[in-house]
N, C-alpha and C. Protein backbone atom coordinates (compact mmCIF):
# COMPACT_ATOMS: atom_id res chain seq x y z
N MET A 1 22.90 -1.60 12.18
CA MET A 1 22.10 -2.68 12.88
C MET A 1 20.72 -2.18 13.35
N GLY A 2 20.59 -1.01 13.79
CA GLY A 2 19.30 -0.44 14.11
C GLY A 2 18.36 -0.28 12.91
N LEU A 3 19.02 0.21 11.78
CA LEU A 3 18.36 0.43 10.63
C LEU A 3 17.68 -0.90 10.08
N SER A 4 18.60 -1.85 10.01
CA SER A 4 18.05 -3.17 9.51
C SER A 4 17.03 -3.75 10.31
N LEU A 5 17.10 -3.59 11.66
CA LEU A 5 15.95 -3.87 12.54
C LEU A 5 14.71 -3.26 12.11
N TRP A 6 14.71 -1.93 12.04
CA TRP A 6 13.59 -1.11 11.78
C TRP A 6 13.07 -1.56 10.41
N VAL A 7 13.85 -1.79 9.27
CA VAL A 7 13.37 -2.26 8.02
C VAL A 7 12.65 -3.49 8.20
N ASN A 8 13.27 -4.44 9.15
CA ASN A 8 12.67 -5.72 9.34
C ASN A 8 11.27 -5.67 9.91
N ALA A 9 11.15 -4.77 10.85
CA ALA A 9 9.96 -4.66 11.50
C ALA A 9 8.86 -4.13 10.53
N ILE A 10 9.15 -3.05 9.67
CA ILE A 10 8.32 -2.54 8.69
C ILE A 10 7.97 -3.58 7.63
N CYS A 11 8.79 -4.47 7.28
CA CYS A 11 8.60 -5.53 6.37
C CYS A 11 7.51 -6.65 6.97
N MET A 12 7.77 -6.97 8.27
CA MET A 12 6.82 -7.79 8.88
C MET A 12 5.49 -7.11 9.15
N LEU A 13 5.42 -6.03 9.45
CA LEU A 13 4.17 -5.27 9.61
C LEU A 13 3.52 -5.17 8.28
N GLY A 14 4.18 -4.96 7.22
CA GLY A 14 3.52 -4.86 5.84
C GLY A 14 3.08 -6.34 5.50
N HIS A 15 3.81 -7.40 5.80
CA HIS A 15 3.39 -8.76 5.41
C HIS A 15 2.11 -9.02 6.06
N SER A 16 2.11 -8.74 7.54
CA SER A 16 1.02 -9.14 8.27
C SER A 16 -0.37 -8.34 7.71
N SER A 17 -0.24 -7.12 7.49
CA SER A 17 -1.23 -6.37 7.09
C SER A 17 -1.83 -6.89 5.57
N PHE A 18 -0.84 -7.32 4.82
CA PHE A 18 -1.21 -7.91 3.49
C PHE A 18 -1.98 -9.13 3.73
N LEU A 19 -1.50 -9.95 4.68
CA LEU A 19 -2.42 -11.14 4.91
C LEU A 19 -3.74 -10.93 5.27
N VAL A 20 -3.90 -9.89 6.28
CA VAL A 20 -5.24 -9.37 6.61
C VAL A 20 -6.00 -8.90 5.41
N VAL A 21 -5.48 -8.12 4.39
CA VAL A 21 -6.06 -7.54 3.28
C VAL A 21 -6.43 -8.81 2.35
N ALA A 22 -5.67 -9.74 2.18
CA ALA A 22 -5.88 -10.86 1.27
C ALA A 22 -7.06 -11.59 1.71
N LYS A 23 -7.51 -11.63 2.98
CA LYS A 23 -8.70 -12.17 3.50
C LYS A 23 -9.90 -11.53 3.15
N THR A 24 -9.83 -10.08 2.91
CA THR A 24 -10.96 -9.30 2.59
C THR A 24 -10.88 -8.71 1.18
N LYS A 25 -11.73 -9.37 0.31
CA LYS A 25 -11.64 -8.99 -1.12
C LYS A 25 -11.84 -7.79 -1.47
N GLU A 26 -12.78 -7.03 -0.80
CA GLU A 26 -13.12 -5.74 -1.20
C GLU A 26 -11.89 -4.87 -0.85
N LEU A 27 -11.41 -4.97 0.30
CA LEU A 27 -10.13 -4.31 0.61
C LEU A 27 -8.90 -4.50 -0.29
N LYS A 28 -8.83 -5.83 -0.75
CA LYS A 28 -7.70 -6.37 -1.62
C LYS A 28 -7.85 -5.48 -2.94
N LYS A 29 -9.13 -5.43 -3.43
CA LYS A 29 -9.70 -4.78 -4.69
C LYS A 29 -9.06 -3.41 -4.64
N SER A 30 -9.54 -2.66 -3.56
CA SER A 30 -9.35 -1.18 -3.34
C SER A 30 -7.84 -0.99 -3.37
N ILE A 31 -7.25 -1.84 -2.73
CA ILE A 31 -5.68 -1.61 -2.58
C ILE A 31 -5.04 -1.81 -3.94
N ILE A 32 -5.46 -2.71 -4.76
CA ILE A 32 -4.97 -2.94 -6.00
C ILE A 32 -5.33 -1.84 -6.92
N LEU A 33 -6.55 -1.27 -6.86
CA LEU A 33 -6.91 -0.26 -7.73
C LEU A 33 -6.19 1.15 -7.32
N SER A 34 -5.91 1.25 -5.95
CA SER A 34 -4.94 2.46 -5.53
C SER A 34 -3.67 2.42 -6.02
N LEU A 35 -3.06 1.29 -5.88
CA LEU A 35 -1.64 0.95 -6.40
C LEU A 35 -1.60 1.25 -7.83
N PHE A 36 -2.69 0.79 -8.72
CA PHE A 36 -2.64 0.84 -10.23
C PHE A 36 -2.76 2.33 -10.46
N ALA A 37 -3.77 3.13 -9.72
CA ALA A 37 -3.67 4.52 -9.92
C ALA A 37 -2.42 5.28 -9.60
N ASN A 38 -1.76 5.03 -8.67
CA ASN A 38 -0.42 5.53 -8.36
C ASN A 38 0.58 5.26 -9.38
N TYR A 39 0.61 3.99 -9.94
CA TYR A 39 1.45 3.60 -10.98
C TYR A 39 1.18 4.52 -12.17
N LYS A 40 -0.04 4.63 -12.48
CA LYS A 40 -0.39 5.42 -13.64
C LYS A 40 0.03 7.04 -13.59
N ASP A 41 -0.22 7.34 -12.34
CA ASP A 41 0.27 8.67 -11.90
C ASP A 41 1.89 8.92 -12.07
N VAL A 42 2.51 7.97 -11.59
CA VAL A 42 3.96 8.03 -11.65
C VAL A 42 4.27 7.87 -13.12
N ARG A 43 3.73 7.08 -13.97
CA ARG A 43 4.29 6.81 -15.36
C ARG A 43 3.96 8.25 -16.10
N TYR A 44 2.69 8.91 -15.61
CA TYR A 44 2.41 10.00 -16.28
C TYR A 44 3.28 11.10 -16.01
N ARG A 45 3.87 11.33 -14.70
CA ARG A 45 4.87 12.17 -14.49
C ARG A 45 6.02 11.91 -15.04
N ILE A 46 6.61 10.62 -15.23
CA ILE A 46 7.84 10.40 -15.72
C ILE A 46 7.91 10.51 -17.22
N SER A 47 6.85 10.16 -18.05
CA SER A 47 6.76 10.29 -19.41
C SER A 47 7.17 11.40 -20.11
N PRO A 48 6.60 12.54 -19.65
CA PRO A 48 7.20 13.77 -20.32
C PRO A 48 8.66 14.14 -20.15
N VAL A 49 9.36 13.49 -19.15
CA VAL A 49 10.85 13.64 -18.96
C VAL A 49 11.59 12.78 -19.83
N SER A 50 10.96 11.55 -20.16
CA SER A 50 11.63 10.54 -20.96
C SER A 50 11.43 10.95 -22.49
N CYS A 51 10.32 11.69 -22.76
CA CYS A 51 10.22 12.08 -24.22
C CYS A 51 11.15 13.00 -24.60
């Protein structure tokens, strides 16, 4: 019960911050770029293992 409450709070916090970011195009762009960079980094780390 306590854990689900905590997860719910995190989700609500993330959702509200996403709405704030969506209003600011520069922030939105930088968030997307950082997410893309993280994704490429993770793929780079995983690919030698899968080969």
